[in-house]
Amino acid sequence: MALDELKSAIPDFAKDLKLNLGSVIGNSELPQQQLWGTVLACAIASRSPKVLRELEPEAKANLSAEAYTATKSAAAIMAMNNVFYRTRHLLSDPEYGNLRAGLRMNVIGKPGVEKVDFELWSLAVSAINGCGQCLDSHEQVLRKAGVDRETIQEAVKIASVIQAVGVTLEAEAVLAE
């Protein structure tokens, strides 16, 4: 299993990450599509080749073709949106918020899977990318759809652990050069 290989690559000084990676994926109460979509979207957002290489095959095996594509779409569109909306939020001139975005985001309206799943993946990617405006927006959509806080927190925990594993492994790879 690739998850075991990824865990074995985590250095001893980051034992907590190893344990957390096993628990946020292995003990998750999320339905399989939500879990593996979150894992894949976060692996992509982590920008860690090792994390993506190790987690993608299992994610692909646990997702339908439509969910696999939608997950990649969520990571892609949020890579754009998180930069755009985070920047608008951080600029001190509030008038930027009144300007039309003018960016295509059709996949958000027709993601090819249940809207809740796509929103959850988008929220997890937004957590990694640090866009507060996107986090608020996706959290509100999820809450209005009846998703509980525990489910939302579960996605954020997955995002935080996958991101930390990616950062740690990439740093170790650089230090080993």
N, C-alpha and C. Protein backbone atom coordinates (compact mmCIF):
# COMPACT_ATOMS: atom_id res chain seq x y z
N MET A 1 0.84 -1.18 0.00
CA MET A 1 0.00 0.00 0.00
C MET A 1 0.89 1.25 0.00
N ALA A 2 0.57 2.18 -0.86
CA ALA A 2 1.36 3.41 -0.99
C ALA A 2 1.32 4.25 0.28
N LEU A 3 0.23 4.21 1.00
CA LEU A 3 0.13 4.96 2.24
C LEU A 3 1.21 4.50 3.23
N ASP A 4 1.41 3.19 3.30
CA ASP A 4 2.46 2.66 4.19
C ASP A 4 3.84 3.12 3.73
N GLU A 5 4.08 3.15 2.43
CA GLU A 5 5.36 3.63 1.92
C GLU A 5 5.56 5.10 2.24
N LEU A 6 4.51 5.87 2.11
CA LEU A 6 4.61 7.29 2.43
C LEU A 6 4.90 7.48 3.91
N LYS A 7 4.21 6.73 4.75
CA LYS A 7 4.46 6.82 6.19
C LYS A 7 5.89 6.41 6.54
N SER A 8 6.40 5.39 5.87
CA SER A 8 7.77 4.95 6.18
C SER A 8 8.81 5.97 5.72
N ALA A 9 8.46 6.84 4.80
CA ALA A 9 9.39 7.87 4.33
C ALA A 9 9.47 9.06 5.28
N ILE A 10 8.53 9.16 6.19
CA ILE A 10 8.50 10.28 7.13
C ILE A 10 9.58 10.05 8.19
N PRO A 11 10.47 11.03 8.40
CA PRO A 11 11.56 10.87 9.37
C PRO A 11 11.05 10.74 10.81
N ASP A 12 11.88 10.15 11.63
CA ASP A 12 11.51 9.93 13.04
C ASP A 12 11.17 11.22 13.78
N PHE A 13 11.84 12.33 13.42
CA PHE A 13 11.54 13.58 14.13
C PHE A 13 10.12 14.07 13.86
N ALA A 14 9.48 13.52 12.83
CA ALA A 14 8.11 13.91 12.50
C ALA A 14 7.14 12.75 12.74
N LYS A 15 7.40 12.00 13.80
CA LYS A 15 6.57 10.82 14.12
C LYS A 15 5.09 11.18 14.25
N ASP A 16 4.81 12.36 14.78
CA ASP A 16 3.41 12.77 14.91
C ASP A 16 2.72 12.83 13.55
N LEU A 17 3.44 13.29 12.54
CA LEU A 17 2.86 13.34 11.19
C LEU A 17 2.56 11.94 10.68
N LYS A 18 3.47 11.01 10.94
CA LYS A 18 3.28 9.62 10.52
C LYS A 18 2.01 9.05 11.16
N LEU A 19 1.87 9.27 12.45
CA LEU A 19 0.69 8.77 13.17
C LEU A 19 -0.58 9.47 12.68
N ASN A 20 -0.48 10.78 12.49
CA ASN A 20 -1.66 11.53 12.03
C ASN A 20 -2.06 11.14 10.62
N LEU A 21 -1.10 10.91 9.74
CA LEU A 21 -1.42 10.51 8.38
C LEU A 21 -2.20 9.20 8.38
N GLY A 22 -1.74 8.26 9.18
CA GLY A 22 -2.46 6.99 9.29
C GLY A 22 -3.86 7.14 9.83
N SER A 23 -4.02 8.02 10.81
CA SER A 23 -5.35 8.16 11.42
C SER A 23 -6.31 9.00 10.59
N VAL A 24 -5.84 10.09 9.98
CA VAL A 24 -6.80 10.92 9.22
C VAL A 24 -7.29 10.22 7.97
N ILE A 25 -6.48 9.31 7.44
CA ILE A 25 -6.94 8.55 6.27
C ILE A 25 -7.54 7.21 6.70
N GLY A 26 -6.81 6.48 7.54
CA GLY A 26 -7.25 5.14 7.92
C GLY A 26 -8.44 5.09 8.85
N ASN A 27 -8.64 6.13 9.65
CA ASN A 27 -9.75 6.12 10.61
C ASN A 27 -10.83 7.15 10.28
N SER A 28 -10.80 7.67 9.08
CA SER A 28 -11.76 8.71 8.70
C SER A 28 -13.17 8.13 8.62
N GLU A 29 -14.12 8.91 9.06
CA GLU A 29 -15.53 8.52 8.95
C GLU A 29 -16.18 9.11 7.70
N LEU A 30 -15.39 9.81 6.89
CA LEU A 30 -15.94 10.34 5.64
C LEU A 30 -16.28 9.18 4.70
N PRO A 31 -17.34 9.34 3.91
CA PRO A 31 -17.59 8.34 2.86
C PRO A 31 -16.38 8.26 1.93
N GLN A 32 -16.17 7.12 1.29
CA GLN A 32 -14.99 6.88 0.47
C GLN A 32 -14.75 7.97 -0.57
N GLN A 33 -15.79 8.40 -1.26
CA GLN A 33 -15.60 9.42 -2.29
C GLN A 33 -15.14 10.74 -1.68
N GLN A 34 -15.73 11.14 -0.58
CA GLN A 34 -15.30 12.38 0.07
C GLN A 34 -13.87 12.24 0.60
N LEU A 35 -13.58 11.11 1.21
CA LEU A 35 -12.24 10.88 1.77
C LEU A 35 -11.18 10.92 0.68
N TRP A 36 -11.31 10.08 -0.32
CA TRP A 36 -10.26 9.97 -1.32
C TRP A 36 -10.21 11.16 -2.25
N GLY A 37 -11.34 11.84 -2.45
CA GLY A 37 -11.30 13.09 -3.19
C GLY A 37 -10.55 14.15 -2.41
N THR A 38 -10.78 14.21 -1.12
CA THR A 38 -10.04 15.15 -0.26
C THR A 38 -8.56 14.82 -0.26
N VAL A 39 -8.23 13.55 -0.13
CA VAL A 39 -6.83 13.14 -0.12
C VAL A 39 -6.15 13.54 -1.43
N LEU A 40 -6.77 13.24 -2.56
CA LEU A 40 -6.16 13.54 -3.85
C LEU A 40 -6.05 15.05 -4.08
N ALA A 41 -7.12 15.78 -3.80
CA ALA A 41 -7.08 17.24 -3.99
C ALA A 41 -5.97 17.86 -3.13
N CYS A 42 -5.83 17.38 -1.92
CA CYS A 42 -4.80 17.91 -1.01
C CYS A 42 -3.41 17.48 -1.44
N ALA A 43 -3.27 16.27 -1.95
CA ALA A 43 -1.97 15.83 -2.46
C ALA A 43 -1.54 16.71 -3.62
N ILE A 44 -2.46 17.04 -4.50
CA ILE A 44 -2.15 17.94 -5.61
C ILE A 44 -1.77 19.32 -5.06
N ALA A 45 -2.58 19.84 -4.16
CA ALA A 45 -2.35 21.18 -3.61
C ALA A 45 -1.06 21.26 -2.80
N SER A 46 -0.60 20.14 -2.26
CA SER A 46 0.62 20.14 -1.46
C SER A 46 1.86 20.44 -2.30
N ARG A 47 1.75 20.24 -3.59
CA ARG A 47 2.86 20.47 -4.53
C ARG A 47 4.05 19.54 -4.27
N SER A 48 3.82 18.47 -3.55
CA SER A 48 4.88 17.51 -3.26
C SER A 48 4.78 16.35 -4.24
N PRO A 49 5.77 16.20 -5.12
CA PRO A 49 5.72 15.07 -6.05
C PRO A 49 5.63 13.71 -5.34
N LYS A 50 6.36 13.55 -4.25
CA LYS A 50 6.35 12.27 -3.53
C LYS A 50 4.96 11.99 -2.95
N VAL A 51 4.38 12.97 -2.31
CA VAL A 51 3.05 12.79 -1.72
C VAL A 51 2.04 12.45 -2.82
N LEU A 52 2.07 13.18 -3.91
CA LEU A 52 1.13 12.92 -5.00
C LEU A 52 1.37 11.54 -5.62
N ARG A 53 2.61 11.19 -5.87
CA ARG A 53 2.92 9.87 -6.46
C ARG A 53 2.43 8.73 -5.57
N GLU A 54 2.58 8.88 -4.27
CA GLU A 54 2.22 7.80 -3.35
C GLU A 54 0.72 7.70 -3.10
N LEU A 55 0.03 8.83 -3.06
CA LEU A 55 -1.39 8.81 -2.70
C LEU A 55 -2.34 8.71 -3.91
N GLU A 56 -1.90 9.15 -5.07
CA GLU A 56 -2.79 9.17 -6.25
C GLU A 56 -3.29 7.79 -6.66
N PRO A 57 -2.46 6.75 -6.70
CA PRO A 57 -2.99 5.45 -7.15
C PRO A 57 -4.12 4.92 -6.27
N GLU A 58 -3.98 5.07 -4.97
CA GLU A 58 -5.05 4.58 -4.09
C GLU A 58 -6.29 5.45 -4.19
N ALA A 59 -6.08 6.75 -4.35
CA ALA A 59 -7.22 7.64 -4.55
C ALA A 59 -7.95 7.26 -5.83
N LYS A 60 -7.21 7.06 -6.89
CA LYS A 60 -7.82 6.71 -8.18
C LYS A 60 -8.59 5.39 -8.08
N ALA A 61 -8.05 4.43 -7.34
CA ALA A 61 -8.71 3.14 -7.17
C ALA A 61 -9.99 3.25 -6.36
N ASN A 62 -10.11 4.29 -5.52
CA ASN A 62 -11.28 4.45 -4.66
C ASN A 62 -12.29 5.47 -5.18
N LEU A 63 -12.00 6.06 -6.33
CA LEU A 63 -12.90 7.06 -6.90
C LEU A 63 -13.42 6.59 -8.25
N SER A 64 -14.65 6.96 -8.57
CA SER A 64 -15.15 6.72 -9.92
C SER A 64 -14.36 7.62 -10.87
N ALA A 65 -14.44 7.34 -12.14
CA ALA A 65 -13.75 8.18 -13.13
C ALA A 65 -14.24 9.63 -13.03
N GLU A 66 -15.53 9.81 -12.81
CA GLU A 66 -16.09 11.16 -12.70
C GLU A 66 -15.57 11.88 -11.45
N ALA A 67 -15.51 11.15 -10.34
CA ALA A 67 -15.03 11.76 -9.10
C ALA A 67 -13.54 12.06 -9.19
N TYR A 68 -12.79 11.20 -9.84
CA TYR A 68 -11.35 11.43 -10.02
C TYR A 68 -11.13 12.72 -10.81
N THR A 69 -11.85 12.88 -11.89
CA THR A 69 -11.73 14.09 -12.71
C THR A 69 -12.21 15.31 -11.94
N ALA A 70 -13.31 15.18 -11.23
CA ALA A 70 -13.85 16.31 -10.46
C ALA A 70 -12.89 16.74 -9.36
N THR A 71 -12.22 15.78 -8.76
CA THR A 71 -11.24 16.10 -7.72
C THR A 71 -10.10 16.92 -8.30
N LYS A 72 -9.58 16.50 -9.44
CA LYS A 72 -8.52 17.26 -10.09
C LYS A 72 -9.02 18.63 -10.50
N SER A 73 -10.28 18.71 -10.92
CA SER A 73 -10.88 20.00 -11.27
C SER A 73 -10.96 20.92 -10.06
N ALA A 74 -11.31 20.36 -8.91
CA ALA A 74 -11.39 21.17 -7.67
C ALA A 74 -10.01 21.73 -7.33
N ALA A 75 -8.98 20.88 -7.42
CA ALA A 75 -7.63 21.36 -7.12
C ALA A 75 -7.20 22.44 -8.11
N ALA A 76 -7.54 22.26 -9.37
CA ALA A 76 -7.15 23.22 -10.39
C ALA A 76 -7.86 24.56 -10.22
N ILE A 77 -9.16 24.53 -10.08
CA ILE A 77 -9.91 25.79 -10.00
C ILE A 77 -9.58 26.54 -8.71
N MET A 78 -9.32 25.78 -7.63
CA MET A 78 -8.99 26.46 -6.38
C MET A 78 -7.56 27.00 -6.40
N ALA A 79 -6.68 26.41 -7.18
CA ALA A 79 -5.33 26.99 -7.33
C ALA A 79 -5.45 28.41 -7.88
N MET A 80 -6.38 28.60 -8.81
CA MET A 80 -6.62 29.93 -9.37
C MET A 80 -7.40 30.81 -8.38
N ASN A 81 -8.53 30.31 -7.93
CA ASN A 81 -9.41 31.11 -7.08
C ASN A 81 -8.75 31.53 -5.78
N ASN A 82 -7.97 30.64 -5.18
CA ASN A 82 -7.34 30.98 -3.90
C ASN A 82 -6.37 32.15 -4.06
N VAL A 83 -5.64 32.20 -5.14
CA VAL A 83 -4.74 33.33 -5.37
C VAL A 83 -5.56 34.59 -5.63
N PHE A 84 -6.55 34.49 -6.50
CA PHE A 84 -7.34 35.66 -6.87
C PHE A 84 -8.08 36.25 -5.67
N TYR A 85 -8.86 35.41 -4.98
CA TYR A 85 -9.68 35.93 -3.88
C TYR A 85 -8.86 36.28 -2.64
N ARG A 86 -7.80 35.56 -2.39
CA ARG A 86 -6.93 35.92 -1.27
C ARG A 86 -6.30 37.29 -1.53
N THR A 87 -5.87 37.52 -2.75
CA THR A 87 -5.26 38.81 -3.10
C THR A 87 -6.27 39.94 -2.98
N ARG A 88 -7.48 39.74 -3.50
CA ARG A 88 -8.50 40.79 -3.37
C ARG A 88 -8.78 41.09 -1.90
N HIS A 89 -8.80 40.06 -1.09
CA HIS A 89 -9.06 40.24 0.34
C HIS A 89 -7.91 40.98 1.03
N LEU A 90 -6.68 40.70 0.61
CA LEU A 90 -5.52 41.28 1.27
C LEU A 90 -5.21 42.71 0.82
N LEU A 91 -5.66 43.07 -0.35
CA LEU A 91 -5.44 44.44 -0.81
C LEU A 91 -6.21 45.41 0.08
N SER A 92 -5.58 46.51 0.45
CA SER A 92 -6.24 47.44 1.37
C SER A 92 -7.35 48.25 0.70
N ASP A 93 -7.38 48.30 -0.62
CA ASP A 93 -8.41 49.04 -1.35
C ASP A 93 -9.64 48.14 -1.52
N PRO A 94 -10.74 48.42 -0.80
CA PRO A 94 -11.92 47.56 -0.87
C PRO A 94 -12.63 47.59 -2.22
N GLU A 95 -12.29 48.54 -3.07
CA GLU A 95 -12.94 48.63 -4.38
C GLU A 95 -12.65 47.42 -5.27
N TYR A 96 -11.54 46.73 -5.02
CA TYR A 96 -11.26 45.52 -5.81
C TYR A 96 -12.36 44.48 -5.63
N GLY A 97 -12.97 44.49 -4.47
CA GLY A 97 -14.06 43.56 -4.20
C GLY A 97 -15.31 43.87 -5.00
N ASN A 98 -15.41 45.06 -5.54
CA ASN A 98 -16.57 45.44 -6.35
C ASN A 98 -16.35 45.20 -7.84
N LEU A 99 -15.14 44.87 -8.23
CA LEU A 99 -14.84 44.63 -9.64
C LEU A 99 -15.24 43.21 -10.03
N ARG A 100 -15.70 43.06 -11.27
CA ARG A 100 -16.07 41.75 -11.79
C ARG A 100 -14.80 40.90 -11.89
N ALA A 101 -14.87 39.65 -11.45
CA ALA A 101 -13.71 38.77 -11.50
C ALA A 101 -13.31 38.50 -12.95
N GLY A 102 -14.26 38.20 -13.79
CA GLY A 102 -13.96 37.94 -15.19
C GLY A 102 -13.17 36.66 -15.43
N LEU A 103 -13.23 35.73 -14.50
CA LEU A 103 -12.55 34.44 -14.63
C LEU A 103 -13.59 33.33 -14.77
N ARG A 104 -13.34 32.41 -15.65
CA ARG A 104 -14.26 31.28 -15.83
C ARG A 104 -14.12 30.31 -14.67
N MET A 105 -15.28 29.93 -14.13
CA MET A 105 -15.33 28.99 -13.00
C MET A 105 -16.52 28.05 -13.17
N ASN A 106 -16.79 27.67 -14.41
CA ASN A 106 -17.97 26.86 -14.71
C ASN A 106 -18.00 25.54 -13.96
N VAL A 107 -16.84 24.96 -13.69
CA VAL A 107 -16.78 23.66 -13.04
C VAL A 107 -17.41 23.70 -11.64
N ILE A 108 -17.41 24.86 -11.01
CA ILE A 108 -18.02 24.95 -9.67
C ILE A 108 -19.53 24.72 -9.76
N GLY A 109 -20.14 25.20 -10.82
CA GLY A 109 -21.58 25.01 -11.01
C GLY A 109 -21.96 23.63 -11.50
N LYS A 110 -21.07 22.99 -12.26
CA LYS A 110 -21.32 21.65 -12.81
C LYS A 110 -20.07 20.80 -12.64
N PRO A 111 -19.82 20.35 -11.41
CA PRO A 111 -18.57 19.63 -11.15
C PRO A 111 -18.55 18.17 -11.61
N GLY A 112 -19.70 17.59 -11.94
CA GLY A 112 -19.73 16.20 -12.36
C GLY A 112 -19.90 15.21 -11.22
N VAL A 113 -19.98 15.71 -9.99
CA VAL A 113 -20.23 14.89 -8.80
C VAL A 113 -21.18 15.68 -7.91
N GLU A 114 -21.54 15.08 -6.79
CA GLU A 114 -22.37 15.78 -5.82
C GLU A 114 -21.71 17.10 -5.43
N LYS A 115 -22.49 18.15 -5.40
CA LYS A 115 -21.98 19.50 -5.09
C LYS A 115 -21.27 19.51 -3.73
N VAL A 116 -21.81 18.81 -2.75
CA VAL A 116 -21.22 18.78 -1.42
C VAL A 116 -19.79 18.22 -1.47
N ASP A 117 -19.58 17.17 -2.23
CA ASP A 117 -18.25 16.58 -2.33
C ASP A 117 -17.27 17.59 -2.92
N PHE A 118 -17.67 18.23 -4.01
CA PHE A 118 -16.81 19.21 -4.67
C PHE A 118 -16.50 20.38 -3.74
N GLU A 119 -17.49 20.83 -3.01
CA GLU A 119 -17.30 21.94 -2.06
C GLU A 119 -16.33 21.54 -0.94
N LEU A 120 -16.44 20.30 -0.48
CA LEU A 120 -15.55 19.83 0.58
C LEU A 120 -14.11 19.78 0.08
N TRP A 121 -13.90 19.29 -1.14
CA TRP A 121 -12.56 19.25 -1.71
C TRP A 121 -12.03 20.66 -1.91
N SER A 122 -12.90 21.56 -2.35
CA SER A 122 -12.49 22.95 -2.56
C SER A 122 -12.11 23.61 -1.25
N LEU A 123 -12.84 23.32 -0.20
CA LEU A 123 -12.52 23.86 1.12
C LEU A 123 -11.16 23.35 1.59
N ALA A 124 -10.91 22.06 1.41
CA ALA A 124 -9.63 21.48 1.85
C ALA A 124 -8.46 22.11 1.11
N VAL A 125 -8.59 22.30 -0.19
CA VAL A 125 -7.53 22.94 -0.97
C VAL A 125 -7.36 24.39 -0.52
N SER A 126 -8.47 25.06 -0.24
CA SER A 126 -8.40 26.45 0.23
C SER A 126 -7.69 26.55 1.57
N ALA A 127 -7.82 25.53 2.41
CA ALA A 127 -7.10 25.51 3.68
C ALA A 127 -5.60 25.45 3.42
N ILE A 128 -5.18 24.61 2.51
CA ILE A 128 -3.75 24.51 2.18
C ILE A 128 -3.25 25.82 1.59
N ASN A 129 -4.04 26.41 0.71
CA ASN A 129 -3.61 27.63 0.03
C ASN A 129 -3.85 28.90 0.84
N GLY A 130 -4.49 28.78 1.97
CA GLY A 130 -4.62 29.90 2.90
C GLY A 130 -5.53 31.03 2.43
N CYS A 131 -6.62 30.70 1.78
CA CYS A 131 -7.54 31.74 1.34
C CYS A 131 -8.75 31.79 2.27
N GLY A 132 -8.75 32.76 3.17
CA GLY A 132 -9.83 32.88 4.13
C GLY A 132 -11.18 33.14 3.50
N GLN A 133 -11.21 33.95 2.45
CA GLN A 133 -12.47 34.25 1.78
C GLN A 133 -13.05 32.98 1.15
N CYS A 134 -12.21 32.17 0.52
CA CYS A 134 -12.68 30.92 -0.07
C CYS A 134 -13.11 29.93 1.01
N LEU A 135 -12.35 29.86 2.09
CA LEU A 135 -12.73 28.99 3.20
C LEU A 135 -14.12 29.35 3.71
N ASP A 136 -14.34 30.62 3.96
CA ASP A 136 -15.65 31.06 4.45
C ASP A 136 -16.75 30.72 3.46
N SER A 137 -16.51 30.99 2.20
CA SER A 137 -17.51 30.74 1.17
C SER A 137 -17.88 29.26 1.09
N HIS A 138 -16.89 28.38 1.01
CA HIS A 138 -17.17 26.95 0.89
C HIS A 138 -17.76 26.38 2.19
N GLU A 139 -17.30 26.88 3.31
CA GLU A 139 -17.87 26.43 4.59
C GLU A 139 -19.34 26.80 4.68
N GLN A 140 -19.70 27.99 4.25
CA GLN A 140 -21.10 28.41 4.29
C GLN A 140 -21.98 27.56 3.37
N VAL A 141 -21.48 27.26 2.17
CA VAL A 141 -22.23 26.40 1.25
C VAL A 141 -22.42 25.02 1.87
N LEU A 142 -21.37 24.48 2.45
CA LEU A 142 -21.46 23.16 3.08
C LEU A 142 -22.43 23.16 4.25
N ARG A 143 -22.35 24.16 5.09
CA ARG A 143 -23.25 24.23 6.26
C ARG A 143 -24.71 24.37 5.82
N LYS A 144 -24.96 25.19 4.78
CA LYS A 144 -26.32 25.34 4.26
C LYS A 144 -26.84 24.03 3.67
N ALA A 145 -25.95 23.19 3.19
CA ALA A 145 -26.33 21.89 2.63
C ALA A 145 -26.49 20.83 3.73
N GLY A 146 -26.30 21.22 4.99
CA GLY A 146 -26.50 20.30 6.09
C GLY A 146 -25.25 19.55 6.53
N VAL A 147 -24.10 19.92 6.02
CA VAL A 147 -22.85 19.25 6.43
C VAL A 147 -22.46 19.77 7.81
N ASP A 148 -22.15 18.85 8.71
CA ASP A 148 -21.82 19.24 10.08
C ASP A 148 -20.37 19.72 10.20
N ARG A 149 -20.10 20.40 11.26
CA ARG A 149 -18.77 20.95 11.50
C ARG A 149 -17.70 19.87 11.61
N GLU A 150 -18.07 18.72 12.14
CA GLU A 150 -17.12 17.62 12.29
C GLU A 150 -16.62 17.14 10.92
N THR A 151 -17.51 17.08 9.95
CA THR A 151 -17.12 16.67 8.60
C THR A 151 -16.19 17.70 7.98
N ILE A 152 -16.52 18.95 8.15
CA ILE A 152 -15.68 20.03 7.62
C ILE A 152 -14.32 19.99 8.29
N GLN A 153 -14.29 19.82 9.60
CA GLN A 153 -13.02 19.74 10.31
C GLN A 153 -12.22 18.52 9.86
N GLU A 154 -12.88 17.44 9.57
CA GLU A 154 -12.20 16.23 9.09
C GLU A 154 -11.43 16.53 7.79
N ALA A 155 -12.06 17.25 6.88
CA ALA A 155 -11.39 17.62 5.63
C ALA A 155 -10.19 18.53 5.90
N VAL A 156 -10.35 19.45 6.83
CA VAL A 156 -9.26 20.37 7.17
C VAL A 156 -8.10 19.61 7.84
N LYS A 157 -8.43 18.62 8.66
CA LYS A 157 -7.37 17.80 9.27
C LYS A 157 -6.59 17.04 8.20
N ILE A 158 -7.29 16.49 7.24
CA ILE A 158 -6.62 15.78 6.15
C ILE A 158 -5.71 16.75 5.41
N ALA A 159 -6.23 17.93 5.11
CA ALA A 159 -5.43 18.95 4.40
C ALA A 159 -4.19 19.31 5.19
N SER A 160 -4.34 19.53 6.48
CA SER A 160 -3.20 19.97 7.28
C SER A 160 -2.13 18.89 7.37
N VAL A 161 -2.53 17.65 7.52
CA VAL A 161 -1.55 16.57 7.64
C VAL A 161 -0.86 16.31 6.30
N ILE A 162 -1.61 16.26 5.23
CA ILE A 162 -0.99 16.02 3.92
C ILE A 162 -0.03 17.16 3.58
N GLN A 163 -0.41 18.39 3.86
CA GLN A 163 0.48 19.52 3.60
C GLN A 163 1.75 19.41 4.45
N ALA A 164 1.62 19.08 5.70
CA ALA A 164 2.78 18.96 6.58
C ALA A 164 3.70 17.83 6.13
N VAL A 165 3.13 16.72 5.72
CA VAL A 165 3.94 15.61 5.22
C VAL A 165 4.69 16.04 3.96
N GLY A 166 4.01 16.72 3.07
CA GLY A 166 4.67 17.20 1.85
C GLY A 166 5.81 18.15 2.14
N VAL A 167 5.59 19.10 3.03
CA VAL A 167 6.64 20.07 3.39
C VAL A 167 7.83 19.34 4.00
N THR A 168 7.56 18.42 4.89
CA THR A 168 8.62 17.69 5.58
C THR A 168 9.44 16.85 4.61
N LEU A 169 8.77 16.10 3.75
CA LEU A 169 9.49 15.25 2.80
C LEU A 169 10.27 16.06 1.78
N GLU A 170 9.72 17.16 1.32
CA GLU A 170 10.44 18.00 0.35
C GLU A 170 11.65 18.65 1.01
N ALA A 171 11.52 19.08 2.25
CA ALA A 171 12.66 19.65 2.96
C ALA A 171 13.76 18.61 3.16
N GLU A 172 13.39 17.42 3.53
CA GLU A 172 14.37 16.35 3.71
C GLU A 172 15.07 16.01 2.40
N ALA A 173 14.33 16.03 1.30
CA ALA A 173 14.93 15.75 0.00
C ALA A 173 15.98 16.81 -0.35
N VAL A 174 15.67 18.06 -0.08
CA VAL A 174 16.63 19.14 -0.35
C VAL A 174 17.84 19.01 0.55
N LEU A 175 17.63 18.73 1.82
CA LEU A 175 18.75 18.63 2.77
C LEU A 175 19.65 17.42 2.47
N ALA A 176 19.08 16.42 1.83
CA ALA A 176 19.86 15.22 1.50
C ALA A 176 20.73 15.41 0.26
N GLU A 177 20.50 16.47 -0.48
CA GLU A 177 21.27 16.71 -1.72
C GLU A 177 22.70 17.06 -1.42
